């Protein structure tokens, strides 16, 4: 693995401490098992020979569980040691990724449970504009996002949630950033890995295969947009 590229930036809050308190080592192990199955489902959107970027990757739960020709990841924190050796990690502010990553290059960018942490709707649009820049023409952005309309007040249970979004505002933000909407699944996954989604890998696989269950438990939306120009 090539050495991580580091930009001179620091988080405004102690994100590492927030996540340390929120997720125990047991929680992290359980999340990894869940993401193994989620990654298998999302593989249908991921070109197996393509260049894939995981934006605000955290510990790389998505990027480690999909197949791709090139795997890249970026995060504000230095999480390079948590990522597999086949992932090229670039440390930096996600709102400036076009300055640190090759432009017009990636086939797919993935953003999961991140946009709600941005300070404003303007920042959400800027994040999508930056993502648009690093994608090639025909490249796609895949977003997994808590839906405040489905979650209600529990959306604010996490201290670092700042911007409320629904599937409709995702579509609008994507359009303002230059994306053509290709897929919107309003109810996809439960709100968090601590929700009532079965934790056993076989049950997670069954949940993903049984779409009526999404209507009962789905509180996160899935959006797929394409860069057409």
C-alpha atoms as a PDB file:
ATOM      1  CA  UNK A   1       0.000   0.000   0.000  1.00  0.00           C
ATOM      2  CA  UNK A   2       1.315   3.464  -0.862  1.00  0.00           C
ATOM      3  CA  UNK A   3       1.844   5.848   2.069  1.00  0.00           C
ATOM      4  CA  UNK A   4      -1.124   7.990   3.065  1.00  0.00           C
ATOM      5  CA  UNK A   5      -1.246  11.517   1.645  1.00  0.00           C
ATOM      6  CA  UNK A   6      -1.792  13.931   4.520  1.00  0.00           C
ATOM      7  CA  UNK A   7      -3.274  17.406   4.313  1.00  0.00           C
ATOM      8  CA  UNK A   8      -2.847  19.975   7.116  1.00  0.00           C
ATOM      9  CA  UNK A   9      -6.344  19.801   8.560  1.00  0.00           C
ATOM     10  CA  UNK A  10      -7.868  18.908  11.915  1.00  0.00           C
ATOM     11  CA  UNK A  11     -11.455  18.100  12.941  1.00  0.00           C
ATOM     12  CA  UNK A  12     -13.394  20.829  14.747  1.00  0.00           C
ATOM     13  CA  UNK A  13     -14.496  18.323  17.416  1.00  0.00           C
ATOM     14  CA  UNK A  14     -12.787  15.264  18.830  1.00  0.00           C
ATOM     15  CA  UNK A  15     -14.358  12.788  16.435  1.00  0.00           C
ATOM     16  CA  UNK A  16     -12.177   9.946  17.677  1.00  0.00           C
ATOM     17  CA  UNK A  17     -13.430  10.443  21.230  1.00  0.00           C
ATOM     18  CA  UNK A  18     -17.071  10.698  20.097  1.00  0.00           C
ATOM     19  CA  UNK A  19     -16.799   7.391  18.262  1.00  0.00           C
ATOM     20  CA  UNK A  20     -14.875   5.751  21.101  1.00  0.00           C
ATOM     21  CA  UNK A  21     -17.758   6.478  23.444  1.00  0.00           C
ATOM     22  CA  UNK A  22     -20.428   5.575  20.902  1.00  0.00           C
ATOM     23  CA  UNK A  23     -19.069   2.237  19.700  1.00  0.00           C
ATOM     24  CA  UNK A  24     -17.391  -0.420  21.830  1.00  0.00           C
ATOM     25  CA  UNK A  25     -14.946  -2.945  20.289  1.00  0.00           C
ATOM     26  CA  UNK A  26     -17.859  -5.411  20.261  1.00  0.00           C
ATOM     27  CA  UNK A  27     -19.984  -2.887  18.370  1.00  0.00           C
ATOM     28  CA  UNK A  28     -17.217  -2.420  15.813  1.00  0.00           C
ATOM     29  CA  UNK A  29     -16.917  -6.171  15.266  1.00  0.00           C
ATOM     30  CA  UNK A  30     -20.677  -6.444  14.841  1.00  0.00           C
ATOM     31  CA  UNK A  31     -20.688  -3.535  12.384  1.00  0.00           C
ATOM     32  CA  UNK A  32     -18.034  -5.266  10.306  1.00  0.00           C
ATOM     33  CA  UNK A  33     -20.183  -8.409  10.053  1.00  0.00           C
ATOM     34  CA  UNK A  34     -23.221  -6.378   9.040  1.00  0.00           C
ATOM     35  CA  UNK A  35     -21.228  -4.460   6.436  1.00  0.00           C
ATOM     36  CA  UNK A  36     -19.937  -7.685   4.940  1.00  0.00           C
ATOM     37  CA  UNK A  37     -23.514  -8.504   3.941  1.00  0.00           C
ATOM     38  CA  UNK A  38     -24.415  -4.916   3.023  1.00  0.00           C
ATOM     39  CA  UNK A  39     -21.321  -4.764   0.825  1.00  0.00           C
ATOM     40  CA  UNK A  40     -22.411  -7.887  -1.005  1.00  0.00           C
ATOM     41  CA  UNK A  41     -25.761  -6.270  -1.739  1.00  0.00           C
ATOM     42  CA  UNK A  42     -24.233  -2.958  -2.822  1.00  0.00           C
ATOM     43  CA  UNK A  43     -21.805  -4.737  -5.136  1.00  0.00           C
ATOM     44  CA  UNK A  44     -24.505  -4.565  -7.823  1.00  0.00           C
ATOM     45  CA  UNK A  45     -23.779  -0.829  -8.032  1.00  0.00           C
ATOM     46  CA  UNK A  46     -19.986  -1.228  -7.944  1.00  0.00           C
ATOM     47  CA  UNK A  47     -17.996  -1.977 -11.127  1.00  0.00           C
ATOM     48  CA  UNK A  48     -15.684  -4.869 -10.212  1.00  0.00           C
ATOM     49  CA  UNK A  49     -12.925  -3.511 -12.476  1.00  0.00           C
ATOM     50  CA  UNK A  50     -13.600   0.151 -11.655  1.00  0.00           C
ATOM     51  CA  UNK A  51     -11.926   2.814  -9.555  1.00  0.00           C
ATOM     52  CA  UNK A  52     -13.932   3.240  -6.334  1.00  0.00           C
ATOM     53  CA  UNK A  53     -13.634   5.950  -3.685  1.00  0.00           C
ATOM     54  CA  UNK A  54     -15.003   5.717  -0.124  1.00  0.00           C
ATOM     55  CA  UNK A  55     -15.565   9.306   1.092  1.00  0.00           C
ATOM     56  CA  UNK A  56     -15.325   9.859   4.875  1.00  0.00           C
ATOM     57  CA  UNK A  57     -14.526   6.166   5.106  1.00  0.00           C
ATOM     58  CA  UNK A  58     -14.289   5.775   8.905  1.00  0.00           C
ATOM     59  CA  UNK A  59     -12.760   2.298   9.371  1.00  0.00           C
ATOM     60  CA  UNK A  60     -13.519   1.324   5.789  1.00  0.00           C
ATOM     61  CA  UNK A  61     -16.523  -0.917   6.411  1.00  0.00           C
ATOM     62  CA  UNK A  62     -17.694  -0.390   2.827  1.00  0.00           C
ATOM     63  CA  UNK A  63     -14.429  -0.343   0.896  1.00  0.00           C
ATOM     64  CA  UNK A  64     -13.059  -3.476   2.569  1.00  0.00           C
ATOM     65  CA  UNK A  65     -16.114  -5.543   1.638  1.00  0.00           C
ATOM     66  CA  UNK A  66     -16.511  -4.752  -2.067  1.00  0.00           C
ATOM     67  CA  UNK A  67     -14.590  -5.824  -5.149  1.00  0.00           C
ATOM     68  CA  UNK A  68     -13.061  -3.159  -7.401  1.00  0.00           C
ATOM     69  CA  UNK A  69     -10.107  -2.616  -9.704  1.00  0.00           C
ATOM     70  CA  UNK A  70      -8.790   0.216  -7.517  1.00  0.00           C
ATOM     71  CA  UNK A  71      -9.881   1.028  -3.972  1.00  0.00           C
ATOM     72  CA  UNK A  72      -9.396   4.499  -2.523  1.00  0.00           C
ATOM     73  CA  UNK A  73     -10.562   6.035   0.758  1.00  0.00           C
ATOM     74  CA  UNK A  74     -10.446   9.430   2.406  1.00  0.00           C
ATOM     75  CA  UNK A  75     -11.194  10.674   5.912  1.00  0.00           C
ATOM     76  CA  UNK A  76     -10.410  13.646   8.137  1.00  0.00           C
ATOM     77  CA  UNK A  77      -8.810  11.293  10.652  1.00  0.00           C
ATOM     78  CA  UNK A  78      -5.758   9.162   9.988  1.00  0.00           C
ATOM     79  CA  UNK A  79      -7.395   5.737   9.707  1.00  0.00           C
ATOM     80  CA  UNK A  80      -4.836   4.231   7.337  1.00  0.00           C
ATOM     81  CA  UNK A  81      -3.827   1.556   9.854  1.00  0.00           C
ATOM     82  CA  UNK A  82      -7.428   0.277  10.000  1.00  0.00           C
ATOM     83  CA  UNK A  83      -7.670  -0.227   6.238  1.00  0.00           C
ATOM     84  CA  UNK A  84      -6.642  -3.252   4.168  1.00  0.00           C
ATOM     85  CA  UNK A  85      -3.366  -2.985   2.199  1.00  0.00           C
ATOM     86  CA  UNK A  86      -5.183  -2.777  -1.146  1.00  0.00           C
ATOM     87  CA  UNK A  87      -6.780   0.569  -0.217  1.00  0.00           C
ATOM     88  CA  UNK A  88      -5.058   3.844  -1.122  1.00  0.00           C
ATOM     89  CA  UNK A  89      -5.800   6.221   1.765  1.00  0.00           C
ATOM     90  CA  UNK A  90      -5.777  10.004   1.423  1.00  0.00           C
ATOM     91  CA  UNK A  91      -6.179  12.006   4.613  1.00  0.00           C
ATOM     92  CA  UNK A  92      -7.930  15.349   4.290  1.00  0.00           C
ATOM     93  CA  UNK A  93     -11.066  17.451   4.446  1.00  0.00           C
ATOM     94  CA  UNK A  94     -13.804  15.836   2.353  1.00  0.00           C
ATOM     95  CA  UNK A  95     -14.977  19.301   1.298  1.00  0.00           C
ATOM     96  CA  UNK A  96     -11.683  19.753  -0.540  1.00  0.00           C
ATOM     97  CA  UNK A  97     -11.152  16.286  -2.028  1.00  0.00           C
ATOM     98  CA  UNK A  98     -10.778  17.643  -5.566  1.00  0.00           C
ATOM     99  CA  UNK A  99      -7.504  19.253  -4.423  1.00  0.00           C
ATOM    100  CA  UNK A 100      -6.049  16.007  -3.086  1.00  0.00           C
ATOM    101  CA  UNK A 101      -7.463  13.379  -5.460  1.00  0.00           C
ATOM    102  CA  UNK A 102      -7.306  12.958  -9.246  1.00  0.00           C
ATOM    103  CA  UNK A 103     -10.203  14.678 -10.988  1.00  0.00           C
ATOM    104  CA  UNK A 104     -12.404  13.019 -13.638  1.00  0.00           C
ATOM    105  CA  UNK A 105     -10.983   9.691 -12.472  1.00  0.00           C
ATOM    106  CA  UNK A 106     -13.281   7.551 -10.329  1.00  0.00           C
ATOM    107  CA  UNK A 107     -16.078   5.286 -11.534  1.00  0.00           C
ATOM    108  CA  UNK A 108     -17.944   5.320  -8.224  1.00  0.00           C
ATOM    109  CA  UNK A 109     -17.843   7.363  -5.026  1.00  0.00           C
ATOM    110  CA  UNK A 110     -19.588   6.075  -1.912  1.00  0.00           C
ATOM    111  CA  UNK A 111     -20.790   8.302   0.944  1.00  0.00           C
ATOM    112  CA  UNK A 112     -22.348   6.668   3.990  1.00  0.00           C
ATOM    113  CA  UNK A 113     -23.838   8.289   7.094  1.00  0.00           C
ATOM    114  CA  UNK A 114     -21.771  11.422   6.618  1.00  0.00           C
ATOM    115  CA  UNK A 115     -23.763  14.259   5.068  1.00  0.00           C
ATOM    116  CA  UNK A 116     -25.795  14.729   8.256  1.00  0.00           C
ATOM    117  CA  UNK A 117     -22.539  15.632  10.044  1.00  0.00           C
ATOM    118  CA  UNK A 118     -21.897  18.609   7.765  1.00  0.00           C
ATOM    119  CA  UNK A 119     -22.737  22.036   9.209  1.00  0.00           C
ATOM    120  CA  UNK A 120     -25.279  23.192   6.611  1.00  0.00           C
ATOM    121  CA  UNK A 121     -27.191  22.360   3.450  1.00  0.00           C
ATOM    122  CA  UNK A 122     -24.674  24.527   1.582  1.00  0.00           C
ATOM    123  CA  UNK A 123     -21.908  22.238   2.831  1.00  0.00           C
ATOM    124  CA  UNK A 124     -23.884  19.187   1.664  1.00  0.00           C
ATOM    125  CA  UNK A 125     -24.102  20.639  -1.839  1.00  0.00           C
ATOM    126  CA  UNK A 126     -20.394  21.553  -1.759  1.00  0.00           C
ATOM    127  CA  UNK A 127     -19.558  17.974  -0.760  1.00  0.00           C
ATOM    128  CA  UNK A 128     -21.489  16.650  -3.731  1.00  0.00           C
ATOM    129  CA  UNK A 129     -19.874  19.211  -6.054  1.00  0.00           C
ATOM    130  CA  UNK A 130     -16.446  18.073  -4.857  1.00  0.00           C
ATOM    131  CA  UNK A 131     -17.460  14.459  -5.415  1.00  0.00           C
ATOM    132  CA  UNK A 132     -18.716  15.353  -8.902  1.00  0.00           C
ATOM    133  CA  UNK A 133     -15.267  16.755  -9.762  1.00  0.00           C
ATOM    134  CA  UNK A 134     -13.366  13.565  -8.967  1.00  0.00           C
ATOM    135  CA  UNK A 135     -15.752  11.302 -10.913  1.00  0.00           C
ATOM    136  CA  UNK A 136     -15.278  10.606 -14.589  1.00  0.00           C
ATOM    137  CA  UNK A 137     -18.104  11.323 -17.011  1.00  0.00           C
ATOM    138  CA  UNK A 138     -20.565   8.497 -16.473  1.00  0.00           C
ATOM    139  CA  UNK A 139     -19.240   7.976 -12.951  1.00  0.00           C
ATOM    140  CA  UNK A 140     -21.722   7.602 -10.134  1.00  0.00           C
ATOM    141  CA  UNK A 141     -22.185   8.621  -6.528  1.00  0.00           C
ATOM    142  CA  UNK A 142     -23.858   6.160  -4.155  1.00  0.00           C
ATOM    143  CA  UNK A 143     -25.171   7.639  -0.907  1.00  0.00           C
ATOM    144  CA  UNK A 144     -26.499   5.825   2.152  1.00  0.00           C
ATOM    145  CA  UNK A 145     -28.181   8.384   4.366  1.00  0.00           C
ATOM    146  CA  UNK A 146     -30.405   8.536   7.473  1.00  0.00           C
ATOM    147  CA  UNK A 147     -33.802   9.982   6.512  1.00  0.00           C
ATOM    148  CA  UNK A 148     -35.030  12.506   9.088  1.00  0.00           C
ATOM    149  CA  UNK A 149     -38.643  12.177   7.900  1.00  0.00           C
ATOM    150  CA  UNK A 150     -38.618   8.460   8.729  1.00  0.00           C
ATOM    151  CA  UNK A 151     -36.598   8.725  11.924  1.00  0.00           C
ATOM    152  CA  UNK A 152     -38.146  11.767  13.562  1.00  0.00           C
ATOM    153  CA  UNK A 153     -36.652  13.168  16.758  1.00  0.00           C
ATOM    154  CA  UNK A 154     -34.229  10.263  17.169  1.00  0.00           C
ATOM    155  CA  UNK A 155     -32.259  11.791  14.299  1.00  0.00           C
ATOM    156  CA  UNK A 156     -30.812  14.196  16.873  1.00  0.00           C
ATOM    157  CA  UNK A 157     -29.771  11.519  19.382  1.00  0.00           C
ATOM    158  CA  UNK A 158     -26.196  11.849  18.104  1.00  0.00           C
ATOM    159  CA  UNK A 159     -24.363  15.017  19.143  1.00  0.00           C
ATOM    160  CA  UNK A 160     -22.565  15.353  15.806  1.00  0.00           C
ATOM    161  CA  UNK A 161     -25.712  15.350  13.646  1.00  0.00           C
ATOM    162  CA  UNK A 162     -26.205  18.850  12.235  1.00  0.00           C
ATOM    163  CA  UNK A 163     -28.098  18.801   8.917  1.00  0.00           C
ATOM    164  CA  UNK A 164     -31.449  17.021   8.396  1.00  0.00           C
ATOM    165  CA  UNK A 165     -31.974  15.286   5.047  1.00  0.00           C
ATOM    166  CA  UNK A 166     -34.663  13.205   3.345  1.00  0.00           C
ATOM    167  CA  UNK A 167     -34.603  11.255   0.100  1.00  0.00           C
ATOM    168  CA  UNK A 168     -36.157  14.270  -1.635  1.00  0.00           C
ATOM    169  CA  UNK A 169     -33.551  16.724  -0.402  1.00  0.00           C
ATOM    170  CA  UNK A 170     -30.852  14.252  -1.473  1.00  0.00           C
ATOM    171  CA  UNK A 171     -32.266  14.250  -4.992  1.00  0.00           C
ATOM    172  CA  UNK A 172     -32.412  18.049  -4.999  1.00  0.00           C
ATOM    173  CA  UNK A 173     -28.868  18.429  -3.660  1.00  0.00           C
ATOM    174  CA  UNK A 174     -27.599  15.903  -6.204  1.00  0.00           C
ATOM    175  CA  UNK A 175     -29.247  17.820  -9.023  1.00  0.00           C
ATOM    176  CA  UNK A 176     -27.728  21.109  -7.864  1.00  0.00           C
ATOM    177  CA  UNK A 177     -24.307  19.424  -7.850  1.00  0.00           C
ATOM    178  CA  UNK A 178     -24.746  18.181 -11.424  1.00  0.00           C
ATOM    179  CA  UNK A 179     -25.924  14.603 -10.906  1.00  0.00           C
ATOM    180  CA  UNK A 180     -28.752  12.867 -12.738  1.00  0.00           C
ATOM    181  CA  UNK A 181     -30.738  10.681 -10.361  1.00  0.00           C
ATOM    182  CA  UNK A 182     -30.694   6.996 -11.326  1.00  0.00           C
ATOM    183  CA  UNK A 183     -31.975   5.151  -8.237  1.00  0.00           C
ATOM    184  CA  UNK A 184     -33.720   6.227  -5.027  1.00  0.00           C
ATOM    185  CA  UNK A 185     -34.683   3.665  -2.384  1.00  0.00           C
ATOM    186  CA  UNK A 186     -36.494   5.622   0.305  1.00  0.00           C
ATOM    187  CA  UNK A 187     -36.540   2.806   2.884  1.00  0.00           C
ATOM    188  CA  UNK A 188     -33.409   0.680   2.811  1.00  0.00           C
ATOM    189  CA  UNK A 189     -31.526  -0.014   6.061  1.00  0.00           C
ATOM    190  CA  UNK A 190     -32.481   0.599   9.708  1.00  0.00           C
ATOM    191  CA  UNK A 191     -31.239   3.805  11.312  1.00  0.00           C
ATOM    192  CA  UNK A 192     -28.081   2.466  12.991  1.00  0.00           C
ATOM    193  CA  UNK A 193     -26.289  -0.829  13.569  1.00  0.00           C
ATOM    194  CA  UNK A 194     -27.834  -0.704  17.060  1.00  0.00           C
ATOM    195  CA  UNK A 195     -31.331  -0.722  15.554  1.00  0.00           C
ATOM    196  CA  UNK A 196     -33.486  -3.821  15.357  1.00  0.00           C
ATOM    197  CA  UNK A 197     -31.751  -5.138  12.256  1.00  0.00           C
ATOM    198  CA  UNK A 198     -30.782  -8.771  12.934  1.00  0.00           C
ATOM    199  CA  UNK A 199     -27.081  -8.891  13.783  1.00  0.00           C
ATOM    200  CA  UNK A 200     -26.351 -12.434  12.571  1.00  0.00           C
ATOM    201  CA  UNK A 201     -24.889 -12.381   9.051  1.00  0.00           C
ATOM    202  CA  UNK A 202     -27.424 -14.901   7.740  1.00  0.00           C
ATOM    203  CA  UNK A 203     -30.327 -12.837   9.085  1.00  0.00           C
ATOM    204  CA  UNK A 204     -28.857  -9.635   7.622  1.00  0.00           C
ATOM    205  CA  UNK A 205     -28.634 -11.411   4.270  1.00  0.00           C
ATOM    206  CA  UNK A 206     -32.257 -12.499   4.613  1.00  0.00           C
ATOM    207  CA  UNK A 207     -33.332  -8.951   5.482  1.00  0.00           C
ATOM    208  CA  UNK A 208     -31.647  -7.549   2.378  1.00  0.00           C
ATOM    209  CA  UNK A 209     -33.256 -10.203   0.191  1.00  0.00           C
ATOM    210  CA  UNK A 210     -36.758  -9.709   1.661  1.00  0.00           C
ATOM    211  CA  UNK A 211     -37.777  -6.223   0.563  1.00  0.00           C
ATOM    212  CA  UNK A 212     -41.075  -6.082   2.520  1.00  0.00           C
ATOM    213  CA  UNK A 213     -38.918  -5.987   5.669  1.00  0.00           C
ATOM    214  CA  UNK A 214     -37.436  -2.710   4.430  1.00  0.00           C
ATOM    215  CA  UNK A 215     -40.843  -1.077   4.842  1.00  0.00           C
ATOM    216  CA  UNK A 216     -40.942  -2.162   8.477  1.00  0.00           C
ATOM    217  CA  UNK A 217     -37.393  -1.308   9.530  1.00  0.00           C
ATOM    218  CA  UNK A 218     -35.915   0.911   6.800  1.00  0.00           C
ATOM    219  CA  UNK A 219     -34.995   4.370   8.063  1.00  0.00           C
ATOM    220  CA  UNK A 220     -32.034   5.074   5.792  1.00  0.00           C
ATOM    221  CA  UNK A 221     -32.355   5.978   2.119  1.00  0.00           C
ATOM    222  CA  UNK A 222     -30.127   4.916  -0.760  1.00  0.00           C
ATOM    223  CA  UNK A 223     -29.410   7.359  -3.603  1.00  0.00           C
ATOM    224  CA  UNK A 224     -27.549   6.740  -6.867  1.00  0.00           C
ATOM    225  CA  UNK A 225     -26.676   9.691  -9.097  1.00  0.00           C
ATOM    226  CA  UNK A 226     -24.685   9.847 -12.341  1.00  0.00           C
ATOM    227  CA  UNK A 227     -22.292  12.478 -13.684  1.00  0.00           C
ATOM    228  CA  UNK A 228     -23.540  13.034 -17.226  1.00  0.00           C
ATOM    229  CA  UNK A 229     -21.440  16.073 -18.188  1.00  0.00           C
END
